Protein backbone atom coordinates (compact mmCIF):
# COMPACT_ATOMS: atom_id res chain seq x y z
CA UNK A 1 -10.64 -3.14 -12.36
CA UNK A 2 -10.61 -6.50 -14.03
CA UNK A 3 -12.46 -7.60 -17.07
CA UNK A 4 -13.29 -11.16 -18.23
CA UNK A 5 -12.32 -12.20 -21.47
CA UNK A 6 -15.53 -14.36 -22.94
CA UNK A 7 -13.49 -15.75 -25.44
CA UNK A 8 -11.39 -17.39 -23.28
CA UNK A 9 -12.55 -16.61 -19.77
CA UNK A 10 -8.85 -15.31 -18.65
CA UNK A 11 -8.76 -12.21 -16.26
CA UNK A 12 -7.16 -8.33 -18.07
CA UNK A 13 -7.13 -4.90 -16.69
CA UNK A 14 -8.51 -2.09 -18.42
CA UNK A 15 -4.92 -1.14 -19.66
CA UNK A 16 -4.06 -4.20 -21.12
CA UNK A 17 -7.75 -4.32 -22.98
CA UNK A 18 -6.62 -0.66 -24.16
CA UNK A 19 -3.46 -1.88 -25.82
CA UNK A 20 -4.86 -5.01 -26.94
CA UNK A 21 -6.93 -2.86 -29.16
CA UNK A 22 -4.88 0.30 -30.00
CA UNK A 23 -6.02 0.56 -32.93
CA UNK A 24 -9.64 1.20 -32.22
CA UNK A 25 -10.57 4.38 -29.94
CA UNK A 26 -12.26 3.60 -27.21
CA UNK A 27 -14.51 6.23 -25.35
CA UNK A 28 -13.24 7.37 -21.98
CA UNK A 29 -16.59 6.24 -20.38
CA UNK A 30 -17.27 2.33 -21.02
CA UNK A 31 -20.55 1.57 -21.36
CA UNK A 32 -22.01 -1.72 -21.68
CA UNK A 33 -21.69 -1.08 -25.82
CA UNK A 34 -18.13 -0.73 -25.10
CA UNK A 35 -18.01 -3.96 -23.24
CA UNK A 36 -20.21 -5.91 -25.43
CA UNK A 37 -17.63 -4.54 -28.37
CA UNK A 38 -14.81 -5.85 -26.42
CA UNK A 39 -15.92 -9.12 -25.62
CA UNK A 40 -15.30 -8.63 -22.09
CA UNK A 41 -17.86 -8.43 -18.47
CA UNK A 42 -16.44 -6.53 -15.95
CA UNK A 43 -15.51 -8.30 -12.60
CA UNK A 44 -16.98 -6.85 -9.16
CA UNK A 45 -15.02 -7.00 -6.12
CA UNK A 46 -16.24 -9.31 -3.38
CA UNK A 47 -14.93 -9.52 0.03
CA UNK A 48 -11.87 -11.45 0.96
CA UNK A 49 -12.84 -14.54 3.19
CA UNK A 50 -11.99 -14.46 6.84
CA UNK A 51 -8.20 -15.99 6.90
CA UNK A 52 -6.51 -18.05 10.11
CA UNK A 53 -3.39 -16.99 11.66
CA UNK A 54 -0.89 -18.37 9.15
CA UNK A 55 -3.02 -18.01 6.19
CA UNK A 56 -3.85 -15.71 3.28
CA UNK A 57 -6.83 -14.81 0.95
CA UNK A 58 -5.83 -15.00 -2.33
CA UNK A 59 -7.35 -13.83 -5.77
CA UNK A 60 -8.41 -16.87 -7.78
CA UNK A 61 -9.86 -16.02 -10.85
CA UNK A 62 -13.75 -14.89 -10.93
CA UNK A 63 -17.25 -16.89 -10.72
CA UNK A 64 -20.40 -15.70 -11.52
CA UNK A 65 -22.90 -15.30 -9.10
CA UNK A 66 -26.71 -16.00 -8.57
CA UNK A 67 -27.45 -12.47 -10.29
CA UNK A 68 -25.27 -13.55 -13.49
CA UNK A 69 -22.50 -11.01 -12.10
CA UNK A 70 -18.71 -12.14 -12.80
CA UNK A 71 -17.15 -11.38 -9.12
CA UNK A 72 -13.69 -12.22 -7.66
CA UNK A 73 -13.13 -15.26 -6.34
CA UNK A 74 -10.62 -16.07 -3.51
CA UNK A 75 -8.82 -19.16 -2.05
CA UNK A 76 -7.37 -19.72 1.74
CA UNK A 77 -4.44 -20.72 1.52
CA UNK A 78 -1.07 -21.24 3.99
CA UNK A 79 1.19 -18.18 4.17
CA UNK A 80 4.06 -20.17 4.28
CA UNK A 81 5.37 -23.59 2.55
CA UNK A 82 8.58 -25.50 2.64
CA UNK A 83 11.12 -24.40 0.04
CA UNK A 84 14.85 -24.61 -0.67
CA UNK A 85 16.31 -21.71 -1.13
CA UNK A 86 19.33 -20.83 -3.58
CA UNK A 87 21.69 -22.25 -1.58
CA UNK A 88 19.83 -25.40 -1.69
CA UNK A 89 18.86 -25.46 2.15
CA UNK A 90 15.14 -26.40 3.06
CA UNK A 91 13.49 -23.75 4.75
CA UNK A 92 10.92 -24.97 6.82
CA UNK A 93 7.13 -23.66 7.72
CA UNK A 94 8.25 -23.16 11.27
CA UNK A 95 11.75 -21.41 10.38
CA UNK A 96 9.42 -19.00 8.44
CA UNK A 97 6.84 -18.53 11.00
CA UNK A 98 9.51 -18.05 13.75
CA UNK A 99 11.11 -15.16 11.37
CA UNK A 100 7.71 -13.79 10.58
CA UNK A 101 7.28 -13.14 14.38
CA UNK A 102 10.50 -12.09 15.14
CA UNK A 103 9.98 -9.16 12.30
CA UNK A 104 6.51 -8.04 14.17
CA UNK A 105 8.18 -8.57 17.56
CA UNK A 106 11.13 -6.03 16.34
CA UNK A 107 8.25 -3.77 14.29
CA UNK A 108 6.21 -3.49 18.24
CA UNK A 109 9.28 -3.12 20.08
CA UNK A 110 10.63 -0.29 17.57
CA UNK A 111 7.13 1.84 18.60
CA UNK A 112 7.51 1.00 22.30
CA UNK A 113 8.13 4.04 24.41
CA UNK A 114 7.57 5.28 27.80
CA UNK A 115 8.22 8.44 30.33
CA UNK A 116 10.69 7.85 33.08
CA UNK A 117 7.76 8.42 35.49
CA UNK A 118 6.16 5.77 33.85
CA UNK A 119 9.13 3.05 33.35
CA UNK A 120 10.09 3.46 37.22
CA UNK A 121 6.58 3.14 38.43
CA UNK A 122 6.72 -0.17 36.23
CA UNK A 123 10.13 -1.14 37.74
CA UNK A 124 8.91 -0.42 41.40
CA UNK A 125 5.72 -2.23 41.12
CA UNK A 126 7.99 -5.56 39.77
CA UNK A 127 10.18 -5.15 42.79
CA UNK A 128 13.06 -4.13 39.92
CA UNK A 129 13.62 -0.10 40.82
CA UNK A 130 16.47 -0.62 43.24
CA UNK A 131 18.07 -3.30 40.47
CA UNK A 132 18.15 -0.82 38.13
CA UNK A 133 19.42 2.11 40.12
CA UNK A 134 22.37 -0.45 41.26
CA UNK A 135 22.71 -1.62 37.57
CA UNK A 136 22.73 2.00 36.36
CA UNK A 137 25.52 3.23 38.83
CA UNK A 138 27.66 0.72 37.44
CA UNK A 139 27.62 1.56 33.89
CA UNK A 140 29.05 3.76 31.52
CA UNK A 141 28.32 7.74 32.15
CA UNK A 142 26.07 7.63 29.09
CA UNK A 143 23.88 5.38 30.33
CA UNK A 144 23.46 6.87 33.71
CA UNK A 145 22.80 10.46 32.14
CA UNK A 146 20.08 8.93 29.54
CA UNK A 147 18.85 7.23 32.64
CA UNK A 148 18.29 10.36 34.87
CA UNK A 149 17.89 12.88 31.89
CA UNK A 150 15.41 11.56 29.52
CA UNK A 151 12.34 12.80 28.12
CA UNK A 152 11.29 9.41 26.82
CA UNK A 153 12.71 5.91 27.20
CA UNK A 154 12.19 3.90 23.85
CA UNK A 155 12.51 0.00 24.14
CA UNK A 156 15.11 -0.51 21.66
CA UNK A 157 17.45 2.32 23.07
CA UNK A 158 21.41 0.51 23.07
CA UNK A 159 21.10 2.03 27.35
CA UNK A 160 17.93 -0.24 27.66
CA UNK A 161 19.47 -3.23 25.98
CA UNK A 162 22.60 -2.94 28.19
CA UNK A 163 19.94 -2.96 30.94
CA UNK A 164 18.31 -5.75 29.81
CA UNK A 165 21.57 -7.78 29.59
CA UNK A 166 22.27 -6.80 33.19
CA UNK A 167 19.35 -7.57 34.69
CA UNK A 168 19.06 -10.81 32.63
CA UNK A 169 15.39 -10.11 31.19
CA UNK A 170 14.30 -11.83 28.25
CA UNK A 171 12.70 -9.78 25.40
CA UNK A 172 9.30 -10.96 26.60
CA UNK A 173 9.64 -9.67 29.82
CA UNK A 174 10.72 -6.21 28.98
CA UNK A 175 8.10 -6.09 26.59
CA UNK A 176 5.49 -7.04 29.45
CA UNK A 177 7.53 -4.34 31.43
CA UNK A 178 6.95 -1.44 28.79
CA UNK A 179 3.20 -2.54 28.22
CA UNK A 180 2.77 -2.40 31.65
CA UNK A 181 4.48 1.25 31.98
CA UNK A 182 2.23 2.62 29.52
CA UNK A 183 -0.94 2.06 31.65
CA UNK A 184 0.61 3.53 34.73
C-alpha cells in the first residue's frame, strides 16, 4: 500500500515511512492516529482503465475522490515510443511492435503440440498428407523415426521446422495447421 504525504503530495510506501521515522516506535497495525502522526493519507486501490492493443495503463499519482479518499490515479499511454539505442540507431514504434508480435508468436508456438493422429488428420483435411509422407521418406533417419514413433508432435521440433521448409509452408500456415489439429 502507498501513502500520500500531506506536506508535499509525494507518494511513499510503508517501508519508506518506517525508514524516515526510524527513531520512532510505530505500532504494528497503523490506525488513524498513526496516519495523523505521520501526516499521511492511505492511497486506496482503484481499477486500471481499459487499454488498447499497444497501450499500457501506468500509475499517475493519486487523486481525491468524491468521498474525500485518496485513490490511485491512472493514465493510458502508448506501449512503445520511438527511441535511439546505445549505438545511435533509431528504433521505430513499428519495429518494436514487430518484435513484440514475434515474441508473442514464439511463446505461443512453444506451447503448440498435438498427437500424431491429430497431425495426420489435419494434414489429410488440408490435402497435405501424401506430400508430408513423401517428404518424410526423403529426409533423415531421425526425422523418419520421429514422425513414425513420436507420441506428441511439438510445433517447435526441429523435424517440424525441417518439414515446414520442404513443404514451403509459412509460419502462419503451420500455426493454422496445429490450431486445426488440436480440434480434431
